[in-house]
C-alpha atoms as a PDB file:
ATOM      1  CA  MET A   1    -222.427  40.238-119.625  1.00  0.00           C
ATOM      2  CA  LYS A   2    -224.222  42.072-122.117  1.00  0.00           C
ATOM      3  CA  GLU A   3    -226.712  40.288-124.455  1.00  0.00           C
ATOM      4  CA  ASP A   4    -224.501  39.423-127.521  1.00  0.00           C
ATOM      5  CA  ARG A   5    -222.674  37.698-125.234  1.00  0.00           C
ATOM      6  CA  SER A   6    -220.293  40.285-125.105  1.00  0.00           C
ATOM      7  CA  LEU A   7    -217.629  41.020-121.415  1.00  0.00           C
ATOM      8  CA  SER A   8    -216.152  44.172-119.920  1.00  0.00           C
ATOM      9  CA  VAL A   9    -214.380  45.613-116.981  1.00  0.00           C
ATOM     10  CA  ASP A  10    -216.079  48.933-116.216  1.00  0.00           C
ATOM     11  CA  TRP A  11    -217.136  51.770-113.923  1.00  0.00           C
ATOM     12  CA  ILE A  12    -220.678  51.601-113.275  1.00  0.00           C
ATOM     13  CA  TYR A  13    -222.962  53.467-110.994  1.00  0.00           C
ATOM     14  CA  HIS A  14    -226.534  52.986-110.166  1.00  0.00           C
ATOM     15  CA  ILE A  15    -228.035  56.755-110.880  1.00  0.00           C
ATOM     16  CA  THR A  16    -231.329  55.468-109.803  1.00  0.00           C
ATOM     17  CA  ARG A  17    -232.703  52.716-107.611  1.00  0.00           C
ATOM     18  CA  LEU A  18    -233.972  50.875-111.678  1.00  0.00           C
ATOM     19  CA  ARG A  19    -232.661  48.906-113.366  1.00  0.00           C
ATOM     20  CA  ASP A  20    -232.496  51.248-116.049  1.00  0.00           C
ATOM     21  CA  GLY A  21    -230.391  53.257-113.444  1.00  0.00           C
ATOM     22  CA  ILE A  22    -226.625  51.291-114.325  1.00  0.00           C
ATOM     23  CA  TYR A  23    -224.644  53.848-116.332  1.00  0.00           C
ATOM     24  CA  THR A  24    -221.085  53.465-116.898  1.00  0.00           C
ATOM     25  CA  TYR A  25    -217.799  56.063-117.513  1.00  0.00           C
ATOM     26  CA  THR A  26    -214.245  55.752-118.403  1.00  0.00           C
ATOM     27  CA  ASP A  27    -212.328  55.726-115.605  1.00  0.00           C
ATOM     28  CA  PRO A  28    -213.771  56.175-111.768  1.00  0.00           C
ATOM     29  CA  LEU A  29    -214.007  58.799-109.675  1.00  0.00           C
ATOM     30  CA  SER A  30    -210.850  60.565-109.538  1.00  0.00           C
ATOM     31  CA  TYR A  31    -209.634  60.233-105.858  1.00  0.00           C
ATOM     32  CA  THR A  32    -206.621  60.111-104.438  1.00  0.00           C
ATOM     33  CA  ARG A  33    -205.359  58.171-101.067  1.00  0.00           C
ATOM     34  CA  ASP A  34    -206.961  59.768 -97.571  1.00  0.00           C
ATOM     35  CA  ASP A  35    -208.995  61.882 -99.854  1.00  0.00           C
ATOM     36  CA  PRO A  36    -211.268  63.639 -97.170  1.00  0.00           C
ATOM     37  CA  LEU A  37    -213.668  65.605 -99.770  1.00  0.00           C
ATOM     38  CA  PRO A  38    -216.265  63.469-100.735  1.00  0.00           C
ATOM     39  CA  LYS A  39    -216.706  63.986-104.746  1.00  0.00           C
ATOM     40  CA  SER A  40    -220.777  64.534-105.992  1.00  0.00           C
ATOM     41  CA  LYS A  41    -222.114  61.797-107.491  1.00  0.00           C
ATOM     42  CA  PRO A  42    -222.387  60.656-111.640  1.00  0.00           C
ATOM     43  CA  THR A  43    -224.421  62.022-113.131  1.00  0.00           C
ATOM     44  CA  PRO A  44    -226.031  60.482-116.725  1.00  0.00           C
ATOM     45  CA  PHE A  45    -224.558  62.910-119.175  1.00  0.00           C
ATOM     46  CA  PHE A  46    -221.045  61.798-118.647  1.00  0.00           C
ATOM     47  CA  GLY A  47    -222.087  58.591-118.503  1.00  0.00           C
ATOM     48  CA  THR A  48    -223.122  55.888-121.744  1.00  0.00           C
ATOM     49  CA  GLU A  49    -226.291  54.224-119.554  1.00  0.00           C
ATOM     50  CA  TYR A  50    -226.138  49.923-119.714  1.00  0.00           C
ATOM     51  CA  SER A  51    -229.207  49.560-121.802  1.00  0.00           C
ATOM     52  CA  ASP A  52    -228.186  45.634-122.951  1.00  0.00           C
ATOM     53  CA  LEU A  53    -226.443  44.569-119.348  1.00  0.00           C
ATOM     54  CA  ILE A  54    -227.922  41.043-118.608  1.00  0.00           C
ATOM     55  CA  THR A  55    -225.931  40.479-115.356  1.00  0.00           C
ATOM     56  CA  GLY A  56    -223.069  41.577-113.627  1.00  0.00           C
ATOM     57  CA  VAL A  57    -220.197  41.482-111.058  1.00  0.00           C
ATOM     58  CA  GLY A  58    -219.115  43.730-108.774  1.00  0.00           C
ATOM     59  CA  GLY A  59    -215.712  44.203-107.247  1.00  0.00           C
ATOM     60  CA  GLY A  60    -212.829  45.501-106.611  1.00  0.00           C
ATOM     61  CA  PRO A  61    -210.349  47.222-107.227  1.00  0.00           C
ATOM     62  CA  VAL A  62    -209.971  47.364-110.913  1.00  0.00           C
ATOM     63  CA  LEU A  63    -206.923  44.958-111.870  1.00  0.00           C
ATOM     64  CA  ILE A  64    -206.160  45.527-115.465  1.00  0.00           C
ATOM     65  CA  LYS A  65    -208.377  47.599-118.393  1.00  0.00           C
ATOM     66  CA  ASN A  66    -207.643  47.580-122.189  1.00  0.00           C
ATOM     67  CA  SER A  67    -204.796  44.645-121.336  1.00  0.00           C
ATOM     68  CA  THR A  68    -203.091  47.729-119.663  1.00  0.00           C
ATOM     69  CA  ILE A  69    -202.107  47.412-116.155  1.00  0.00           C
ATOM     70  CA  ARG A  70    -204.552  50.131-114.131  1.00  0.00           C
ATOM     71  CA  VAL A  71    -205.336  49.182-110.672  1.00  0.00           C
ATOM     72  CA  THR A  72    -208.082  51.533-109.495  1.00  0.00           C
ATOM     73  CA  TYR A  73    -207.796  50.891-105.375  1.00  0.00           C
ATOM     74  CA  ASN A  74    -207.693  54.762-104.637  1.00  0.00           C
ATOM     75  CA  GLU A  75    -209.693  55.741-107.167  1.00  0.00           C
ATOM     76  CA  GLU A  76    -212.485  53.246-105.677  1.00  0.00           C
ATOM     77  CA  VAL A  77    -212.303  54.807-102.372  1.00  0.00           C
ATOM     78  CA  LEU A  78    -211.217  51.048-100.390  1.00  0.00           C
ATOM     79  CA  TRP A  79    -208.433  52.785 -98.943  1.00  0.00           C
ATOM     80  CA  GLY A  80    -209.776  54.476 -94.951  1.00  0.00           C
ATOM     81  CA  GLY A  81    -211.325  51.042 -93.010  1.00  0.00           C
ATOM     82  CA  SER A  82    -213.007  48.939 -95.853  1.00  0.00           C
ATOM     83  CA  GLY A  83    -210.282  45.886 -94.846  1.00  0.00           C
ATOM     84  CA  VAL A  84    -209.029  45.956 -98.114  1.00  0.00           C
ATOM     85  CA  GLU A  85    -205.326  46.740 -98.603  1.00  0.00           C
ATOM     86  CA  ASP A  86    -203.494  47.612-101.507  1.00  0.00           C
ATOM     87  CA  ASN A  87    -199.392  46.117-101.449  1.00  0.00           C
ATOM     88  CA  LYS A  88    -200.455  44.130 -97.851  1.00  0.00           C
ATOM     89  CA  LYS A  89    -200.128  40.190 -99.428  1.00  0.00           C
ATOM     90  CA  ASP A  90    -203.257  39.108 -98.853  1.00  0.00           C
ATOM     91  CA  PRO A  91    -205.246  36.584 -99.778  1.00  0.00           C
ATOM     92  CA  ARG A  92    -207.270  37.997-103.396  1.00  0.00           C
ATOM     93  CA  THR A  93    -209.568  36.953-106.254  1.00  0.00           C
ATOM     94  CA  ALA A  94    -209.758  38.113-110.230  1.00  0.00           C
ATOM     95  CA  VAL A  95    -211.891  37.428-112.338  1.00  0.00           C
ATOM     96  CA  GLY A  96    -211.018  38.519-116.139  1.00  0.00           C
ATOM     97  CA  TYR A  97    -212.060  37.021-119.735  1.00  0.00           C
ATOM     98  CA  THR A  98    -210.312  36.289-122.387  1.00  0.00           C
ATOM     99  CA  ALA A  99    -210.222  37.699-126.589  1.00  0.00           C
ATOM    100  CA  LYS A 100    -212.505  34.308-127.140  1.00  0.00           C
ATOM    101  CA  LYS A 101    -215.102  35.011-123.982  1.00  0.00           C
ATOM    102  CA  HIS A 102    -213.865  31.907-121.421  1.00  0.00           C
ATOM    103  CA  VAL A 103    -214.115  33.963-117.639  1.00  0.00           C
ATOM    104  CA  ILE A 104    -211.007  33.345-115.701  1.00  0.00           C
ATOM    105  CA  MET A 105    -210.986  32.942-111.863  1.00  0.00           C
ATOM    106  CA  LEU A 106    -207.688  33.349-109.890  1.00  0.00           C
ATOM    107  CA  MET A 107    -207.820  32.616-106.258  1.00  0.00           C
ATOM    108  CA  ALA A 108    -204.245  33.431-104.636  1.00  0.00           C
ATOM    109  CA  GLY A 109    -203.748  32.859-100.939  1.00  0.00           C
ATOM    110  CA  ALA A 110    -206.133  31.676 -98.241  1.00  0.00           C
ATOM    111  CA  ILE A 111    -207.012  30.381 -94.892  1.00  0.00           C
ATOM    112  CA  LYS A 112    -206.391  27.208 -94.129  1.00  0.00           C
ATOM    113  CA  VAL A 113    -208.761  25.185 -93.353  1.00  0.00           C
ATOM    114  CA  LYS A 114    -209.516  21.360 -91.786  1.00  0.00           C
ATOM    115  CA  GLY A 115    -209.090  18.669 -94.161  1.00  0.00           C
ATOM    116  CA  ALA A 116    -208.108  20.836 -97.375  1.00  0.00           C
ATOM    117  CA  LEU A 117    -204.879  21.786 -99.123  1.00  0.00           C
ATOM    118  CA  SER A 118    -203.005  24.446 -97.307  1.00  0.00           C
ATOM    119  CA  ARG A 119    -200.728  25.759 -99.576  1.00  0.00           C
ATOM    120  CA  SER A 120    -200.963  28.872 -99.465  1.00  0.00           C
ATOM    121  CA  TRP A 121    -199.322  32.403-102.224  1.00  0.00           C
ATOM    122  CA  PRO A 122    -201.288  35.903-100.842  1.00  0.00           C
ATOM    123  CA  VAL A 123    -200.381  38.906-102.859  1.00  0.00           C
ATOM    124  CA  SER A 124    -200.663  42.495-103.851  1.00  0.00           C
ATOM    125  CA  CYS A 125    -203.128  43.721-106.509  1.00  0.00           C
ATOM    126  CA  LEU A 126    -200.072  45.101-107.901  1.00  0.00           C
ATOM    127  CA  THR A 127    -198.690  41.447-107.842  1.00  0.00           C
ATOM    128  CA  LEU A 128    -202.299  39.961-108.538  1.00  0.00           C
ATOM    129  CA  ALA A 129    -202.346  42.379-111.893  1.00  0.00           C
ATOM    130  CA  VAL A 130    -198.560  42.201-113.396  1.00  0.00           C
ATOM    131  CA  TRP A 131    -199.180  38.034-112.684  1.00  0.00           C
ATOM    132  CA  ARG A 132    -202.801  38.476-115.090  1.00  0.00           C
ATOM    133  CA  HIS A 133    -200.891  40.557-117.523  1.00  0.00           C
END
């Protein structure tokens, strides 16, 4: 969230350890599944500094960007031991927002907790993106 209370879904990288070292990029790094070669870290030249950022929530993969389904599982390197599988039906949590700046939080699927609801709707990343779109 920015100082003007606007919301966005962005790919960001911390170039330094300071708050002024946060940059946003139009696209994530160009990884493909099981890519063995690490990419060069992003540089400020190709990004835009986040100068008015108040708060943010990290997570991935991105499911929808600019009203378009765009699952960035591979680009965000969630394959290879992250524990997140893109096509497996697992519990998922998604955060988004409306044009009126209302934040939407959605949980699909659940683990059974004694004394709690036992209904469950596990979904894949793409199914969740299509459902939210």
